[in-house]
C-alpha atoms as a PDB file:
ATOM      1  CA  UNK A   1      -3.336 -53.803 -17.692  1.00  0.00           C
ATOM      2  CA  UNK A   2      -1.350 -50.693 -16.745  1.00  0.00           C
ATOM      3  CA  UNK A   3       1.112 -52.700 -14.659  1.00  0.00           C
ATOM      4  CA  UNK A   4       1.725 -54.995 -17.645  1.00  0.00           C
ATOM      5  CA  UNK A   5       2.570 -51.862 -19.647  1.00  0.00           C
ATOM      6  CA  UNK A   6       5.234 -50.870 -17.100  1.00  0.00           C
ATOM      7  CA  UNK A   7       3.317 -48.523 -14.770  1.00  0.00           C
ATOM      8  CA  UNK A   8       4.124 -48.787 -11.059  1.00  0.00           C
ATOM      9  CA  UNK A   9       1.884 -47.770  -8.156  1.00  0.00           C
ATOM     10  CA  UNK A  10       3.466 -44.780  -6.396  1.00  0.00           C
ATOM     11  CA  UNK A  11       0.629 -43.996  -3.972  1.00  0.00           C
ATOM     12  CA  UNK A  12      -2.723 -45.335  -2.906  1.00  0.00           C
ATOM     13  CA  UNK A  13      -5.230 -43.963  -0.431  1.00  0.00           C
ATOM     14  CA  UNK A  14      -8.775 -44.859   0.517  1.00  0.00           C
ATOM     15  CA  UNK A  15      -8.825 -48.401  -0.864  1.00  0.00           C
ATOM     16  CA  UNK A  16      -9.594 -50.823   1.935  1.00  0.00           C
ATOM     17  CA  UNK A  17      -9.862 -54.169   0.171  1.00  0.00           C
ATOM     18  CA  UNK A  18      -8.705 -55.254  -3.256  1.00  0.00           C
ATOM     19  CA  UNK A  19      -9.613 -58.746  -4.473  1.00  0.00           C
ATOM     20  CA  UNK A  20      -6.780 -60.102  -6.596  1.00  0.00           C
ATOM     21  CA  UNK A  21      -7.715 -60.843 -10.192  1.00  0.00           C
ATOM     22  CA  UNK A  22     -11.026 -58.973 -10.012  1.00  0.00           C
ATOM     23  CA  UNK A  23     -12.107 -55.374 -10.276  1.00  0.00           C
ATOM     24  CA  UNK A  24     -13.702 -55.391  -6.827  1.00  0.00           C
ATOM     25  CA  UNK A  25     -12.655 -52.872  -4.188  1.00  0.00           C
ATOM     26  CA  UNK A  26     -13.990 -51.231  -1.077  1.00  0.00           C
ATOM     27  CA  UNK A  27     -13.192 -47.521  -1.032  1.00  0.00           C
ATOM     28  CA  UNK A  28     -13.822 -44.292   0.787  1.00  0.00           C
ATOM     29  CA  UNK A  29     -15.234 -41.263  -1.018  1.00  0.00           C
ATOM     30  CA  UNK A  30     -11.856 -39.743  -1.959  1.00  0.00           C
ATOM     31  CA  UNK A  31      -9.958 -42.894  -2.876  1.00  0.00           C
ATOM     32  CA  UNK A  32      -7.154 -42.556  -5.383  1.00  0.00           C
ATOM     33  CA  UNK A  33      -4.358 -44.651  -6.858  1.00  0.00           C
ATOM     34  CA  UNK A  34      -1.452 -42.989  -8.626  1.00  0.00           C
ATOM     35  CA  UNK A  35       0.743 -44.903 -11.047  1.00  0.00           C
ATOM     36  CA  UNK A  36       3.848 -43.709 -12.876  1.00  0.00           C
ATOM     37  CA  UNK A  37       5.872 -44.543 -15.943  1.00  0.00           C
ATOM     38  CA  UNK A  38       8.659 -42.051 -16.562  1.00  0.00           C
ATOM     39  CA  UNK A  39       7.245 -38.510 -16.621  1.00  0.00           C
ATOM     40  CA  UNK A  40       3.691 -39.798 -17.062  1.00  0.00           C
ATOM     41  CA  UNK A  41       1.360 -40.104 -14.062  1.00  0.00           C
ATOM     42  CA  UNK A  42      -1.965 -41.935 -14.071  1.00  0.00           C
ATOM     43  CA  UNK A  43      -4.479 -41.208 -11.326  1.00  0.00           C
ATOM     44  CA  UNK A  44      -7.422 -43.553 -10.771  1.00  0.00           C
ATOM     45  CA  UNK A  45      -9.928 -41.489  -8.794  1.00  0.00           C
ATOM     46  CA  UNK A  46     -13.136 -42.651  -7.147  1.00  0.00           C
ATOM     47  CA  UNK A  47     -15.990 -40.122  -7.408  1.00  0.00           C
ATOM     48  CA  UNK A  48     -13.816 -37.186  -8.499  1.00  0.00           C
ATOM     49  CA  UNK A  49     -15.397 -33.758  -8.189  1.00  0.00           C
ATOM     50  CA  UNK A  50     -15.104 -31.443 -11.182  1.00  0.00           C
ATOM     51  CA  UNK A  51     -16.376 -28.028 -10.009  1.00  0.00           C
ATOM     52  CA  UNK A  52     -17.958 -25.435 -12.311  1.00  0.00           C
ATOM     53  CA  UNK A  53     -15.221 -23.642 -14.229  1.00  0.00           C
ATOM     54  CA  UNK A  54     -16.383 -20.212 -13.058  1.00  0.00           C
ATOM     55  CA  UNK A  55     -15.787 -21.196  -9.413  1.00  0.00           C
ATOM     56  CA  UNK A  56     -12.018 -21.858  -9.703  1.00  0.00           C
ATOM     57  CA  UNK A  57      -9.089 -20.145 -11.395  1.00  0.00           C
ATOM     58  CA  UNK A  58      -7.557 -23.347 -12.797  1.00  0.00           C
ATOM     59  CA  UNK A  59      -7.693 -27.129 -12.705  1.00  0.00           C
ATOM     60  CA  UNK A  60      -9.927 -29.926 -13.868  1.00  0.00           C
ATOM     61  CA  UNK A  61     -13.398 -28.396 -14.142  1.00  0.00           C
ATOM     62  CA  UNK A  62     -16.867 -28.801 -15.549  1.00  0.00           C
ATOM     63  CA  UNK A  63     -17.338 -26.325 -18.366  1.00  0.00           C
ATOM     64  CA  UNK A  64     -20.910 -25.809 -17.141  1.00  0.00           C
ATOM     65  CA  UNK A  65     -22.889 -24.132 -14.384  1.00  0.00           C
ATOM     66  CA  UNK A  66     -22.946 -27.236 -12.190  1.00  0.00           C
ATOM     67  CA  UNK A  67     -20.318 -29.692 -11.024  1.00  0.00           C
ATOM     68  CA  UNK A  68     -19.786 -33.145 -12.500  1.00  0.00           C
ATOM     69  CA  UNK A  69     -19.057 -36.209 -10.344  1.00  0.00           C
ATOM     70  CA  UNK A  70     -18.624 -39.437 -12.305  1.00  0.00           C
ATOM     71  CA  UNK A  71     -18.053 -42.692 -10.424  1.00  0.00           C
ATOM     72  CA  UNK A  72     -14.476 -43.285 -11.584  1.00  0.00           C
ATOM     73  CA  UNK A  73     -11.923 -41.374 -13.614  1.00  0.00           C
ATOM     74  CA  UNK A  74      -8.541 -42.285 -14.983  1.00  0.00           C
ATOM     75  CA  UNK A  75      -6.565 -39.069 -15.439  1.00  0.00           C
ATOM     76  CA  UNK A  76      -3.327 -39.160 -17.428  1.00  0.00           C
ATOM     77  CA  UNK A  77      -0.883 -36.369 -16.566  1.00  0.00           C
ATOM     78  CA  UNK A  78       2.474 -35.345 -17.971  1.00  0.00           C
ATOM     79  CA  UNK A  79       4.585 -32.514 -16.551  1.00  0.00           C
ATOM     80  CA  UNK A  80       1.662 -31.098 -14.564  1.00  0.00           C
ATOM     81  CA  UNK A  81      -0.733 -31.067 -17.529  1.00  0.00           C
ATOM     82  CA  UNK A  82      -3.605 -33.489 -18.160  1.00  0.00           C
ATOM     83  CA  UNK A  83      -3.295 -35.219 -21.515  1.00  0.00           C
ATOM     84  CA  UNK A  84      -6.262 -37.596 -21.308  1.00  0.00           C
ATOM     85  CA  UNK A  85      -9.149 -38.463 -19.001  1.00  0.00           C
ATOM     86  CA  UNK A  86     -11.275 -41.608 -19.117  1.00  0.00           C
ATOM     87  CA  UNK A  87     -14.632 -41.592 -17.317  1.00  0.00           C
ATOM     88  CA  UNK A  88     -16.597 -44.610 -16.083  1.00  0.00           C
ATOM     89  CA  UNK A  89     -20.037 -44.328 -14.504  1.00  0.00           C
ATOM     90  CA  UNK A  90     -21.862 -47.310 -13.002  1.00  0.00           C
ATOM     91  CA  UNK A  91     -25.498 -47.817 -13.910  1.00  0.00           C
ATOM     92  CA  UNK A  92     -27.698 -50.512 -12.466  1.00  0.00           C
ATOM     93  CA  UNK A  93     -30.908 -50.373 -14.506  1.00  0.00           C
ATOM     94  CA  UNK A  94     -31.363 -52.019 -17.887  1.00  0.00           C
ATOM     95  CA  UNK A  95     -34.014 -52.363 -20.561  1.00  0.00           C
ATOM     96  CA  UNK A  96     -34.920 -55.733 -21.997  1.00  0.00           C
ATOM     97  CA  UNK A  97     -34.657 -56.184 -25.745  1.00  0.00           C
ATOM     98  CA  UNK A  98     -35.653 -59.761 -26.529  1.00  0.00           C
ATOM     99  CA  UNK A  99     -32.941 -61.955 -24.976  1.00  0.00           C
ATOM    100  CA  UNK A 100     -30.653 -58.990 -24.270  1.00  0.00           C
ATOM    101  CA  UNK A 101     -30.395 -56.537 -21.414  1.00  0.00           C
ATOM    102  CA  UNK A 102     -29.441 -53.140 -22.779  1.00  0.00           C
ATOM    103  CA  UNK A 103     -28.419 -49.807 -21.256  1.00  0.00           C
ATOM    104  CA  UNK A 104     -30.750 -46.827 -21.014  1.00  0.00           C
ATOM    105  CA  UNK A 105     -30.196 -44.324 -23.808  1.00  0.00           C
ATOM    106  CA  UNK A 106     -30.308 -41.486 -21.239  1.00  0.00           C
ATOM    107  CA  UNK A 107     -27.307 -43.044 -19.488  1.00  0.00           C
ATOM    108  CA  UNK A 108     -25.349 -42.994 -22.736  1.00  0.00           C
ATOM    109  CA  UNK A 109     -26.347 -39.343 -23.232  1.00  0.00           C
ATOM    110  CA  UNK A 110     -24.890 -38.572 -19.800  1.00  0.00           C
ATOM    111  CA  UNK A 111     -21.564 -39.974 -21.022  1.00  0.00           C
ATOM    112  CA  UNK A 112     -21.668 -37.534 -23.944  1.00  0.00           C
ATOM    113  CA  UNK A 113     -22.186 -34.763 -21.404  1.00  0.00           C
ATOM    114  CA  UNK A 114     -19.099 -35.863 -19.435  1.00  0.00           C
ATOM    115  CA  UNK A 115     -17.111 -36.086 -22.676  1.00  0.00           C
ATOM    116  CA  UNK A 116     -17.957 -32.496 -23.602  1.00  0.00           C
ATOM    117  CA  UNK A 117     -18.119 -30.776 -20.204  1.00  0.00           C
ATOM    118  CA  UNK A 118     -15.126 -32.043 -18.188  1.00  0.00           C
ATOM    119  CA  UNK A 119     -12.141 -29.903 -19.200  1.00  0.00           C
ATOM    120  CA  UNK A 120      -8.772 -28.488 -18.153  1.00  0.00           C
ATOM    121  CA  UNK A 121      -8.777 -24.816 -17.221  1.00  0.00           C
ATOM    122  CA  UNK A 122      -5.277 -23.359 -17.234  1.00  0.00           C
ATOM    123  CA  UNK A 123      -4.328 -20.390 -15.098  1.00  0.00           C
ATOM    124  CA  UNK A 124      -3.370 -18.505 -18.247  1.00  0.00           C
ATOM    125  CA  UNK A 125      -5.242 -15.414 -19.489  1.00  0.00           C
ATOM    126  CA  UNK A 126      -4.305 -16.312 -23.083  1.00  0.00           C
ATOM    127  CA  UNK A 127      -6.376 -19.498 -22.852  1.00  0.00           C
ATOM    128  CA  UNK A 128      -9.902 -18.181 -23.238  1.00  0.00           C
ATOM    129  CA  UNK A 129     -11.717 -21.511 -23.030  1.00  0.00           C
ATOM    130  CA  UNK A 130     -11.062 -24.693 -21.048  1.00  0.00           C
ATOM    131  CA  UNK A 131      -9.360 -27.416 -23.084  1.00  0.00           C
ATOM    132  CA  UNK A 132     -11.180 -30.692 -23.766  1.00  0.00           C
ATOM    133  CA  UNK A 133      -9.309 -33.620 -22.188  1.00  0.00           C
ATOM    134  CA  UNK A 134     -11.837 -36.464 -21.858  1.00  0.00           C
ATOM    135  CA  UNK A 135     -10.999 -39.103 -24.453  1.00  0.00           C
ATOM    136  CA  UNK A 136     -13.636 -41.691 -23.451  1.00  0.00           C
ATOM    137  CA  UNK A 137     -16.719 -41.826 -21.219  1.00  0.00           C
ATOM    138  CA  UNK A 138     -18.413 -45.203 -20.693  1.00  0.00           C
ATOM    139  CA  UNK A 139     -21.183 -46.583 -18.578  1.00  0.00           C
ATOM    140  CA  UNK A 140     -20.528 -49.866 -16.791  1.00  0.00           C
ATOM    141  CA  UNK A 141     -23.727 -51.827 -16.357  1.00  0.00           C
ATOM    142  CA  UNK A 142     -25.125 -55.336 -15.716  1.00  0.00           C
ATOM    143  CA  UNK A 143     -26.233 -55.949 -19.271  1.00  0.00           C
ATOM    144  CA  UNK A 144     -25.451 -58.077 -22.290  1.00  0.00           C
ATOM    145  CA  UNK A 145     -24.922 -55.492 -25.041  1.00  0.00           C
ATOM    146  CA  UNK A 146     -21.538 -53.872 -25.659  1.00  0.00           C
ATOM    147  CA  UNK A 147     -21.746 -50.379 -27.175  1.00  0.00           C
ATOM    148  CA  UNK A 148     -18.218 -49.708 -28.436  1.00  0.00           C
ATOM    149  CA  UNK A 149     -16.606 -48.478 -31.643  1.00  0.00           C
ATOM    150  CA  UNK A 150     -12.879 -49.383 -31.591  1.00  0.00           C
ATOM    151  CA  UNK A 151     -12.126 -46.620 -34.125  1.00  0.00           C
ATOM    152  CA  UNK A 152     -14.021 -43.943 -32.155  1.00  0.00           C
ATOM    153  CA  UNK A 153     -14.187 -45.001 -28.487  1.00  0.00           C
ATOM    154  CA  UNK A 154     -15.456 -41.665 -27.158  1.00  0.00           C
ATOM    155  CA  UNK A 155     -18.674 -42.928 -25.518  1.00  0.00           C
ATOM    156  CA  UNK A 156     -20.168 -46.329 -24.962  1.00  0.00           C
ATOM    157  CA  UNK A 157     -21.457 -48.996 -22.614  1.00  0.00           C
ATOM    158  CA  UNK A 158     -19.524 -51.874 -21.062  1.00  0.00           C
ATOM    159  CA  UNK A 159     -21.571 -54.885 -19.916  1.00  0.00           C
ATOM    160  CA  UNK A 160     -19.687 -56.178 -16.886  1.00  0.00           C
ATOM    161  CA  UNK A 161     -21.316 -59.172 -15.252  1.00  0.00           C
ATOM    162  CA  UNK A 162     -19.115 -61.772 -13.490  1.00  0.00           C
ATOM    163  CA  UNK A 163     -18.525 -64.855 -15.660  1.00  0.00           C
ATOM    164  CA  UNK A 164     -20.690 -63.506 -18.516  1.00  0.00           C
ATOM    165  CA  UNK A 165     -19.707 -64.421 -22.076  1.00  0.00           C
ATOM    166  CA  UNK A 166     -19.472 -60.696 -22.943  1.00  0.00           C
ATOM    167  CA  UNK A 167     -16.571 -60.076 -20.540  1.00  0.00           C
ATOM    168  CA  UNK A 168     -13.890 -60.877 -23.150  1.00  0.00           C
ATOM    169  CA  UNK A 169     -15.398 -58.320 -25.538  1.00  0.00           C
ATOM    170  CA  UNK A 170     -15.626 -55.770 -22.705  1.00  0.00           C
ATOM    171  CA  UNK A 171     -11.955 -56.341 -21.827  1.00  0.00           C
ATOM    172  CA  UNK A 172     -10.964 -55.768 -25.459  1.00  0.00           C
ATOM    173  CA  UNK A 173     -13.008 -52.555 -25.423  1.00  0.00           C
ATOM    174  CA  UNK A 174     -11.179 -51.397 -22.281  1.00  0.00           C
ATOM    175  CA  UNK A 175      -7.872 -52.040 -24.068  1.00  0.00           C
ATOM    176  CA  UNK A 176      -9.080 -49.863 -26.982  1.00  0.00           C
ATOM    177  CA  UNK A 177     -10.090 -47.121 -24.536  1.00  0.00           C
ATOM    178  CA  UNK A 178      -6.653 -47.198 -22.851  1.00  0.00           C
ATOM    179  CA  UNK A 179      -4.904 -47.148 -26.217  1.00  0.00           C
ATOM    180  CA  UNK A 180      -7.020 -44.163 -27.296  1.00  0.00           C
ATOM    181  CA  UNK A 181      -5.745 -42.332 -24.178  1.00  0.00           C
ATOM    182  CA  UNK A 182      -2.138 -43.206 -25.134  1.00  0.00           C
ATOM    183  CA  UNK A 183      -1.633 -45.538 -22.176  1.00  0.00           C
END
């Protein structure tokens, strides 16, 4: 989707195998892809570490006493400043609701935590509090129920099962999430 919007890959490390046409990769713990379009940089990071804000003078941090490590982040940077961050976290358990397989509510609550706690801490004494930069935080899970509000895509759940009928709706939700992050 980003390549279709004009972004070009400028660096890639830690990705060992990419299956064309699918979101299936083998990666090492610190894998990252960086894409660029003009002054804007997009970093896709596997298992990024956001340390507690009190432990570092500046950078992407967790505005909390413990670190946060989601499964995947998409960080959008411009001129050395983050302007948006999208978080995805894989979950493998579901609850059954009649014919549907639905996400655990606790997993969705964790996405709210990521949305509120992952911030940008500038090395500037005038900035008293870290700045909120996460625009969306979604679980990715093997279910059948999409939890997504196109007008407010802050948190939700994407059912991603190969060849499932819900995949078209999930793809449209991902497009909304990218648009919300100005990509």
